Amino acid sequence: MSSGARHAGTSAGERFNELSHTWRRRFRRVWVAFFAVAAAFAVAGYLAPGQWKLYLGILAGGVLGVSMALRDTPPQYIESWRLGREGERRTERRLKRLAAAGWLVWHDLSWAGRANVDHVVIGNSGIFLVDSKNYNGTIEVHDGAIRVRWIEDPGDGWESRAIARGTKAASAALAERIAATCGLSPWVQPVVVVWGRFRSVSSRTAACASSTVMP
């Protein structure tokens, strides 16, 4: 297992930057065309008489603004990496309370043959593998499934049971690695932290979640 002094969301941020760069390169000619049009309006405005300077300057600024907005709005499959990074960072900030209380906390871990692990926490209550999620939309959790409905269209969205299964599998793999390395047989508790707009959270659910991860 390797982490160094990595902060939460480092891997997700690197992936977001990589995919964003690749996506922008695909549309390089489009961005060049936008900038060329903006430059043409700017030059024309500089040379034009009277109020045409203002009109053409506004056009130049509008074209440039639209091009910059489009350039910084990658597709959803790329944007999800940025959301993931922000979710991991929010969890990291909350986990600082446990670190201050003497718990051991690691972020952005990886080892051969396994995908990235967001957080691992060890304290008096046990070992916890924490997976952070950050979603746009209205969120519900029911029977082990996460349901996300779009705010603009509540009748549409998506549902997944794979998140809980994946976190359980990662926890089992971490337990096996600890057993192979240290000769121990620990139980690693999987925890999924979901950031977003929840439809409702019962007091019983909130109390159970709090007692699970806090000392």
C-alpha atoms as a PDB file:
ATOM      1  CA  MET A   1       0.000   0.000   0.000  1.00  0.00           C
ATOM      2  CA  SER A   2       1.281   3.443  -0.841  1.00  0.00           C
ATOM      3  CA  SER A   3       0.094   6.925   0.008  1.00  0.00           C
ATOM      4  CA  GLY A   4       2.887   9.164   1.236  1.00  0.00           C
ATOM      5  CA  ALA A   5       1.438  12.448   2.448  1.00  0.00           C
ATOM      6  CA  ARG A   6      -1.247  12.522  -0.230  1.00  0.00           C
ATOM      7  CA  HIS A   7      -4.379  14.532   0.307  1.00  0.00           C
ATOM      8  CA  ALA A   8      -7.859  13.222  -0.373  1.00  0.00           C
ATOM      9  CA  GLY A   9      -8.957  13.576  -3.980  1.00  0.00           C
ATOM     10  CA  THR A  10      -5.450  13.685  -5.434  1.00  0.00           C
ATOM     11  CA  SER A  11      -6.004  10.775  -7.828  1.00  0.00           C
ATOM     12  CA  ALA A  12      -9.459  12.010  -8.855  1.00  0.00           C
ATOM     13  CA  GLY A  13      -8.052  15.491  -9.468  1.00  0.00           C
ATOM     14  CA  GLU A  14      -5.225  14.128 -11.593  1.00  0.00           C
ATOM     15  CA  ARG A  15      -7.694  12.077 -13.633  1.00  0.00           C
ATOM     16  CA  PHE A  16      -9.960  15.101 -14.100  1.00  0.00           C
ATOM     17  CA  ASN A  17      -7.053  17.233 -15.326  1.00  0.00           C
ATOM     18  CA  GLU A  18      -5.877  14.500 -17.679  1.00  0.00           C
ATOM     19  CA  LEU A  19      -9.304  13.928 -19.247  1.00  0.00           C
ATOM     20  CA  SER A  20     -10.047  17.662 -19.437  1.00  0.00           C
ATOM     21  CA  HIS A  21      -6.778  18.269 -21.264  1.00  0.00           C
ATOM     22  CA  THR A  22      -7.507  15.457 -23.730  1.00  0.00           C
ATOM     23  CA  TRP A  23     -11.047  16.733 -24.332  1.00  0.00           C
ATOM     24  CA  ARG A  24      -9.862  20.296 -24.964  1.00  0.00           C
ATOM     25  CA  ARG A  25      -7.242  19.065 -27.419  1.00  0.00           C
ATOM     26  CA  ARG A  26      -9.972  17.286 -29.411  1.00  0.00           C
ATOM     27  CA  PHE A  27     -11.727  20.621 -29.942  1.00  0.00           C
ATOM     28  CA  ARG A  28      -8.630  22.733 -30.369  1.00  0.00           C
ATOM     29  CA  ARG A  29      -9.764  23.998 -33.777  1.00  0.00           C
ATOM     30  CA  VAL A  30     -13.093  25.086 -32.315  1.00  0.00           C
ATOM     31  CA  TRP A  31     -11.388  27.101 -29.570  1.00  0.00           C
ATOM     32  CA  VAL A  32      -9.012  28.648 -32.120  1.00  0.00           C
ATOM     33  CA  ALA A  33     -11.984  29.626 -34.277  1.00  0.00           C
ATOM     34  CA  PHE A  34     -13.728  31.254 -31.327  1.00  0.00           C
ATOM     35  CA  PHE A  35     -10.625  33.220 -30.393  1.00  0.00           C
ATOM     36  CA  ALA A  36     -10.090  34.256 -34.007  1.00  0.00           C
ATOM     37  CA  VAL A  37     -13.638  35.598 -34.250  1.00  0.00           C
ATOM     38  CA  ALA A  38     -13.243  37.449 -30.943  1.00  0.00           C
ATOM     39  CA  ALA A  39      -9.944  38.921 -32.125  1.00  0.00           C
ATOM     40  CA  ALA A  40     -11.515  39.997 -35.423  1.00  0.00           C
ATOM     41  CA  PHE A  41     -14.338  41.795 -33.598  1.00  0.00           C
ATOM     42  CA  ALA A  42     -11.803  43.424 -31.278  1.00  0.00           C
ATOM     43  CA  VAL A  43      -9.660  44.702 -34.158  1.00  0.00           C
ATOM     44  CA  ALA A  44     -12.721  45.879 -36.065  1.00  0.00           C
ATOM     45  CA  GLY A  45     -13.913  47.699 -32.959  1.00  0.00           C
ATOM     46  CA  TYR A  46     -10.552  49.378 -32.567  1.00  0.00           C
ATOM     47  CA  LEU A  47     -10.688  50.649 -36.146  1.00  0.00           C
ATOM     48  CA  ALA A  48     -14.410  51.442 -36.273  1.00  0.00           C
ATOM     49  CA  PRO A  49     -15.729  54.959 -35.732  1.00  0.00           C
ATOM     50  CA  GLY A  50     -18.122  56.179 -33.068  1.00  0.00           C
ATOM     51  CA  GLN A  51     -20.445  53.819 -31.255  1.00  0.00           C
ATOM     52  CA  TRP A  52     -19.386  50.883 -33.431  1.00  0.00           C
ATOM     53  CA  LYS A  53     -16.380  50.600 -31.164  1.00  0.00           C
ATOM     54  CA  LEU A  54     -18.716  49.799 -28.259  1.00  0.00           C
ATOM     55  CA  TYR A  55     -20.887  47.351 -30.229  1.00  0.00           C
ATOM     56  CA  LEU A  56     -17.983  45.438 -31.686  1.00  0.00           C
ATOM     57  CA  GLY A  57     -16.198  45.422 -28.329  1.00  0.00           C
ATOM     58  CA  ILE A  58     -19.278  43.884 -26.702  1.00  0.00           C
ATOM     59  CA  LEU A  59     -19.416  41.253 -29.458  1.00  0.00           C
ATOM     60  CA  ALA A  60     -15.729  40.449 -28.981  1.00  0.00           C
ATOM     61  CA  GLY A  61     -16.186  40.085 -25.217  1.00  0.00           C
ATOM     62  CA  GLY A  62     -19.316  37.959 -25.672  1.00  0.00           C
ATOM     63  CA  VAL A  63     -17.655  35.546 -28.092  1.00  0.00           C
ATOM     64  CA  LEU A  64     -14.602  35.262 -25.842  1.00  0.00           C
ATOM     65  CA  GLY A  65     -16.785  34.708 -22.765  1.00  0.00           C
ATOM     66  CA  VAL A  66     -18.821  31.964 -24.462  1.00  0.00           C
ATOM     67  CA  SER A  67     -15.668  30.218 -25.674  1.00  0.00           C
ATOM     68  CA  MET A  68     -14.122  30.272 -22.189  1.00  0.00           C
ATOM     69  CA  ALA A  69     -17.344  28.980 -20.611  1.00  0.00           C
ATOM     70  CA  LEU A  70     -17.563  26.110 -23.104  1.00  0.00           C
ATOM     71  CA  ARG A  71     -13.890  25.297 -22.671  1.00  0.00           C
ATOM     72  CA  ASP A  72     -14.372  24.986 -18.890  1.00  0.00           C
ATOM     73  CA  THR A  73     -17.526  22.841 -19.174  1.00  0.00           C
ATOM     74  CA  PRO A  74     -16.391  19.310 -20.030  1.00  0.00           C
ATOM     75  CA  PRO A  75     -18.849  16.408 -20.487  1.00  0.00           C
ATOM     76  CA  GLN A  76     -20.494  14.841 -17.448  1.00  0.00           C
ATOM     77  CA  TYR A  77     -18.246  11.766 -17.457  1.00  0.00           C
ATOM     78  CA  ILE A  78     -15.261  14.085 -17.014  1.00  0.00           C
ATOM     79  CA  GLU A  79     -17.018  16.448 -14.615  1.00  0.00           C
ATOM     80  CA  SER A  80     -17.798  13.482 -12.344  1.00  0.00           C
ATOM     81  CA  TRP A  81     -14.083  13.222 -11.526  1.00  0.00           C
ATOM     82  CA  ARG A  82     -14.080  16.822 -10.299  1.00  0.00           C
ATOM     83  CA  LEU A  83     -17.161  16.167  -8.191  1.00  0.00           C
ATOM     84  CA  GLY A  84     -15.470  13.077  -6.784  1.00  0.00           C
ATOM     85  CA  ARG A  85     -12.399  15.091  -5.855  1.00  0.00           C
ATOM     86  CA  GLU A  86     -14.515  17.671  -4.038  1.00  0.00           C
ATOM     87  CA  GLY A  87     -16.403  14.951  -2.170  1.00  0.00           C
ATOM     88  CA  GLU A  88     -13.177  13.324  -0.988  1.00  0.00           C
ATOM     89  CA  ARG A  89     -11.836  16.683   0.189  1.00  0.00           C
ATOM     90  CA  ARG A  90     -15.001  17.345   2.180  1.00  0.00           C
ATOM     91  CA  THR A  91     -14.645  13.970   3.885  1.00  0.00           C
ATOM     92  CA  GLU A  92     -10.986  14.689   4.593  1.00  0.00           C
ATOM     93  CA  ARG A  93     -11.935  17.887   6.394  1.00  0.00           C
ATOM     94  CA  ARG A  94     -14.447  16.019   8.564  1.00  0.00           C
ATOM     95  CA  LEU A  95     -11.951  13.265   9.366  1.00  0.00           C
ATOM     96  CA  LYS A  96      -9.516  15.810  10.782  1.00  0.00           C
ATOM     97  CA  ARG A  97     -11.558  15.619  13.981  1.00  0.00           C
ATOM     98  CA  LEU A  98     -10.651  11.954  14.343  1.00  0.00           C
ATOM     99  CA  ALA A  99      -6.992  12.598  13.517  1.00  0.00           C
ATOM    100  CA  ALA A 100      -6.917  15.269  16.227  1.00  0.00           C
ATOM    101  CA  ALA A 101      -8.362  12.694  18.660  1.00  0.00           C
ATOM    102  CA  GLY A 102      -5.504  10.268  17.985  1.00  0.00           C
ATOM    103  CA  TRP A 103      -6.969   8.156  15.194  1.00  0.00           C
ATOM    104  CA  LEU A 104      -4.814   7.165  12.221  1.00  0.00           C
ATOM    105  CA  VAL A 105      -6.174   8.540   8.968  1.00  0.00           C
ATOM    106  CA  TRP A 106      -4.906   7.983   5.423  1.00  0.00           C
ATOM    107  CA  HIS A 107      -6.234   9.321   2.129  1.00  0.00           C
ATOM    108  CA  ASP A 108      -5.965   8.374  -1.529  1.00  0.00           C
ATOM    109  CA  LEU A 109      -4.399   4.968  -1.032  1.00  0.00           C
ATOM    110  CA  SER A 110      -3.558   2.437  -3.712  1.00  0.00           C
ATOM    111  CA  TRP A 111      -1.834  -0.896  -4.028  1.00  0.00           C
ATOM    112  CA  ALA A 112      -1.113  -3.355  -6.815  1.00  0.00           C
ATOM    113  CA  GLY A 113      -4.200  -4.908  -8.361  1.00  0.00           C
ATOM    114  CA  ARG A 114      -6.686  -2.649  -6.572  1.00  0.00           C
ATOM    115  CA  ALA A 115      -8.410   0.584  -7.504  1.00  0.00           C
ATOM    116  CA  ASN A 116      -7.900   3.749  -5.515  1.00  0.00           C
ATOM    117  CA  VAL A 117      -9.139   3.738  -1.891  1.00  0.00           C
ATOM    118  CA  ASP A 118     -10.409   7.118  -0.743  1.00  0.00           C
ATOM    119  CA  HIS A 119      -9.790   6.904   3.027  1.00  0.00           C
ATOM    120  CA  VAL A 120      -8.710   4.398   5.676  1.00  0.00           C
ATOM    121  CA  VAL A 121      -9.325   5.185   9.354  1.00  0.00           C
ATOM    122  CA  ILE A 122      -8.019   3.222  12.359  1.00  0.00           C
ATOM    123  CA  GLY A 123      -8.996   3.904  15.959  1.00  0.00           C
ATOM    124  CA  ASN A 124     -10.349   2.374  19.127  1.00  0.00           C
ATOM    125  CA  SER A 125     -13.586   1.422  17.377  1.00  0.00           C
ATOM    126  CA  GLY A 126     -11.818  -0.553  14.645  1.00  0.00           C
ATOM    127  CA  ILE A 127     -10.655  -0.213  11.064  1.00  0.00           C
ATOM    128  CA  PHE A 128     -12.822   1.621   8.538  1.00  0.00           C
ATOM    129  CA  LEU A 129     -12.501   1.857   4.777  1.00  0.00           C
ATOM    130  CA  VAL A 130     -14.344   4.990   3.689  1.00  0.00           C
ATOM    131  CA  ASP A 131     -15.524   5.614   0.136  1.00  0.00           C
ATOM    132  CA  SER A 132     -16.608   9.190  -0.659  1.00  0.00           C
ATOM    133  CA  LYS A 133     -19.287  10.018  -3.227  1.00  0.00           C
ATOM    134  CA  ASN A 134     -20.488  13.428  -4.363  1.00  0.00           C
ATOM    135  CA  TYR A 135     -23.589  13.701  -6.561  1.00  0.00           C
ATOM    136  CA  ASN A 136     -25.681  16.362  -8.218  1.00  0.00           C
ATOM    137  CA  GLY A 137     -29.395  15.825  -7.734  1.00  0.00           C
ATOM    138  CA  THR A 138     -31.705  14.631  -4.976  1.00  0.00           C
ATOM    139  CA  ILE A 139     -30.431  11.503  -3.230  1.00  0.00           C
ATOM    140  CA  GLU A 140     -32.243   8.602  -1.565  1.00  0.00           C
ATOM    141  CA  VAL A 141     -30.788   5.461  -0.002  1.00  0.00           C
ATOM    142  CA  HIS A 142     -33.085   2.438   0.090  1.00  0.00           C
ATOM    143  CA  ASP A 143     -32.348  -1.289   0.539  1.00  0.00           C
ATOM    144  CA  GLY A 144     -28.664  -0.871  -0.243  1.00  0.00           C
ATOM    145  CA  ALA A 145     -29.279   1.156  -3.407  1.00  0.00           C
ATOM    146  CA  ILE A 146     -28.421   4.799  -4.034  1.00  0.00           C
ATOM    147  CA  ARG A 147     -31.007   6.648  -6.075  1.00  0.00           C
ATOM    148  CA  VAL A 148     -30.265  10.044  -7.596  1.00  0.00           C
ATOM    149  CA  ARG A 149     -32.997  12.138  -9.224  1.00  0.00           C
ATOM    150  CA  TRP A 150     -32.198  15.232 -11.258  1.00  0.00           C
ATOM    151  CA  ILE A 151     -33.319  18.444  -9.564  1.00  0.00           C
ATOM    152  CA  GLU A 152     -34.673  19.838 -12.848  1.00  0.00           C
ATOM    153  CA  ASP A 153     -36.435  16.550 -13.744  1.00  0.00           C
ATOM    154  CA  PRO A 154     -37.330  14.551 -10.602  1.00  0.00           C
ATOM    155  CA  GLY A 155     -38.883  11.812 -12.698  1.00  0.00           C
ATOM    156  CA  ASP A 156     -35.511  10.946 -14.230  1.00  0.00           C
ATOM    157  CA  GLY A 157     -32.168   9.904 -12.765  1.00  0.00           C
ATOM    158  CA  TRP A 158     -30.296   6.735 -11.952  1.00  0.00           C
ATOM    159  CA  GLU A 159     -29.968   4.002  -9.326  1.00  0.00           C
ATOM    160  CA  SER A 160     -27.020   1.798  -8.330  1.00  0.00           C
ATOM    161  CA  ARG A 161     -26.394  -1.097  -5.962  1.00  0.00           C
ATOM    162  CA  ALA A 162     -22.798  -1.523  -7.127  1.00  0.00           C
ATOM    163  CA  ILE A 163     -21.403   1.206  -4.847  1.00  0.00           C
ATOM    164  CA  ALA A 164     -22.086  -0.716  -1.627  1.00  0.00           C
ATOM    165  CA  ARG A 165     -20.850  -3.968  -3.167  1.00  0.00           C
ATOM    166  CA  GLY A 166     -17.662  -2.325  -4.369  1.00  0.00           C
ATOM    167  CA  THR A 167     -16.913  -0.813  -0.969  1.00  0.00           C
ATOM    168  CA  LYS A 168     -17.504  -4.171   0.751  1.00  0.00           C
ATOM    169  CA  ALA A 169     -15.146  -5.858  -1.719  1.00  0.00           C
ATOM    170  CA  ALA A 170     -12.468  -3.204  -1.141  1.00  0.00           C
ATOM    171  CA  SER A 171     -12.814  -3.654   2.637  1.00  0.00           C
ATOM    172  CA  ALA A 172     -12.411  -7.421   2.310  1.00  0.00           C
ATOM    173  CA  ALA A 173      -9.318  -6.936   0.137  1.00  0.00           C
ATOM    174  CA  LEU A 174      -7.804  -4.569   2.712  1.00  0.00           C
ATOM    175  CA  ALA A 175      -8.484  -7.072   5.496  1.00  0.00           C
ATOM    176  CA  GLU A 176      -6.747  -9.780   3.470  1.00  0.00           C
ATOM    177  CA  ARG A 177      -3.759  -7.545   2.849  1.00  0.00           C
ATOM    178  CA  ILE A 178      -3.460  -6.696   6.552  1.00  0.00           C
ATOM    179  CA  ALA A 179      -3.692 -10.401   7.426  1.00  0.00           C
ATOM    180  CA  ALA A 180      -0.987 -11.298   4.904  1.00  0.00           C
ATOM    181  CA  THR A 181       1.311  -8.486   6.048  1.00  0.00           C
ATOM    182  CA  CYS A 182       0.796  -8.441   9.811  1.00  0.00           C
ATOM    183  CA  GLY A 183      -0.526 -11.893  10.607  1.00  0.00           C
ATOM    184  CA  LEU A 184      -3.749 -10.415  11.996  1.00  0.00           C
ATOM    185  CA  SER A 185      -7.358 -11.140  11.044  1.00  0.00           C
ATOM    186  CA  PRO A 186      -9.108  -7.792  11.389  1.00  0.00           C
ATOM    187  CA  TRP A 187     -12.607  -6.804  10.400  1.00  0.00           C
ATOM    188  CA  VAL A 188     -12.560  -3.791   8.104  1.00  0.00           C
ATOM    189  CA  GLN A 189     -15.851  -1.922   8.242  1.00  0.00           C
ATOM    190  CA  PRO A 190     -16.954  -0.491   4.879  1.00  0.00           C
ATOM    191  CA  VAL A 191     -18.432   3.017   5.026  1.00  0.00           C
ATOM    192  CA  VAL A 192     -19.874   5.004   2.117  1.00  0.00           C
ATOM    193  CA  VAL A 193     -20.016   8.781   2.639  1.00  0.00           C
ATOM    194  CA  VAL A 194     -22.428  10.461   0.239  1.00  0.00           C
ATOM    195  CA  TRP A 195     -22.377  14.231  -0.246  1.00  0.00           C
ATOM    196  CA  GLY A 196     -25.355  15.870  -1.885  1.00  0.00           C
ATOM    197  CA  ARG A 197     -28.945  16.946  -1.466  1.00  0.00           C
ATOM    198  CA  PHE A 198     -30.889  14.260   0.420  1.00  0.00           C
ATOM    199  CA  ARG A 199     -34.656  13.964   0.162  1.00  0.00           C
ATOM    200  CA  SER A 200     -34.865  12.923   3.827  1.00  0.00           C
ATOM    201  CA  VAL A 201     -32.719  11.279   6.515  1.00  0.00           C
ATOM    202  CA  SER A 202     -34.340   9.631   9.507  1.00  0.00           C
ATOM    203  CA  SER A 203     -33.011  10.366  12.997  1.00  0.00           C
ATOM    204  CA  ARG A 204     -32.380   6.653  13.454  1.00  0.00           C
ATOM    205  CA  THR A 205     -30.251   6.502  10.315  1.00  0.00           C
ATOM    206  CA  ALA A 206     -28.292   9.614  11.328  1.00  0.00           C
ATOM    207  CA  ALA A 207     -27.644   8.263  14.838  1.00  0.00           C
ATOM    208  CA  CYS A 208     -26.471   4.918  13.466  1.00  0.00           C
ATOM    209  CA  ALA A 209     -24.129   6.567  10.971  1.00  0.00           C
ATOM    210  CA  SER A 210     -22.679   8.873  13.617  1.00  0.00           C
ATOM    211  CA  SER A 211     -22.040   6.069  16.112  1.00  0.00           C
ATOM    212  CA  THR A 212     -20.368   4.008  13.390  1.00  0.00           C
ATOM    213  CA  VAL A 213     -17.666   6.488  12.425  1.00  0.00           C
ATOM    214  CA  MET A 214     -17.207   8.669  15.500  1.00  0.00           C
ATOM    215  CA  PRO A 215     -15.514   7.610  18.773  1.00  0.00           C
END
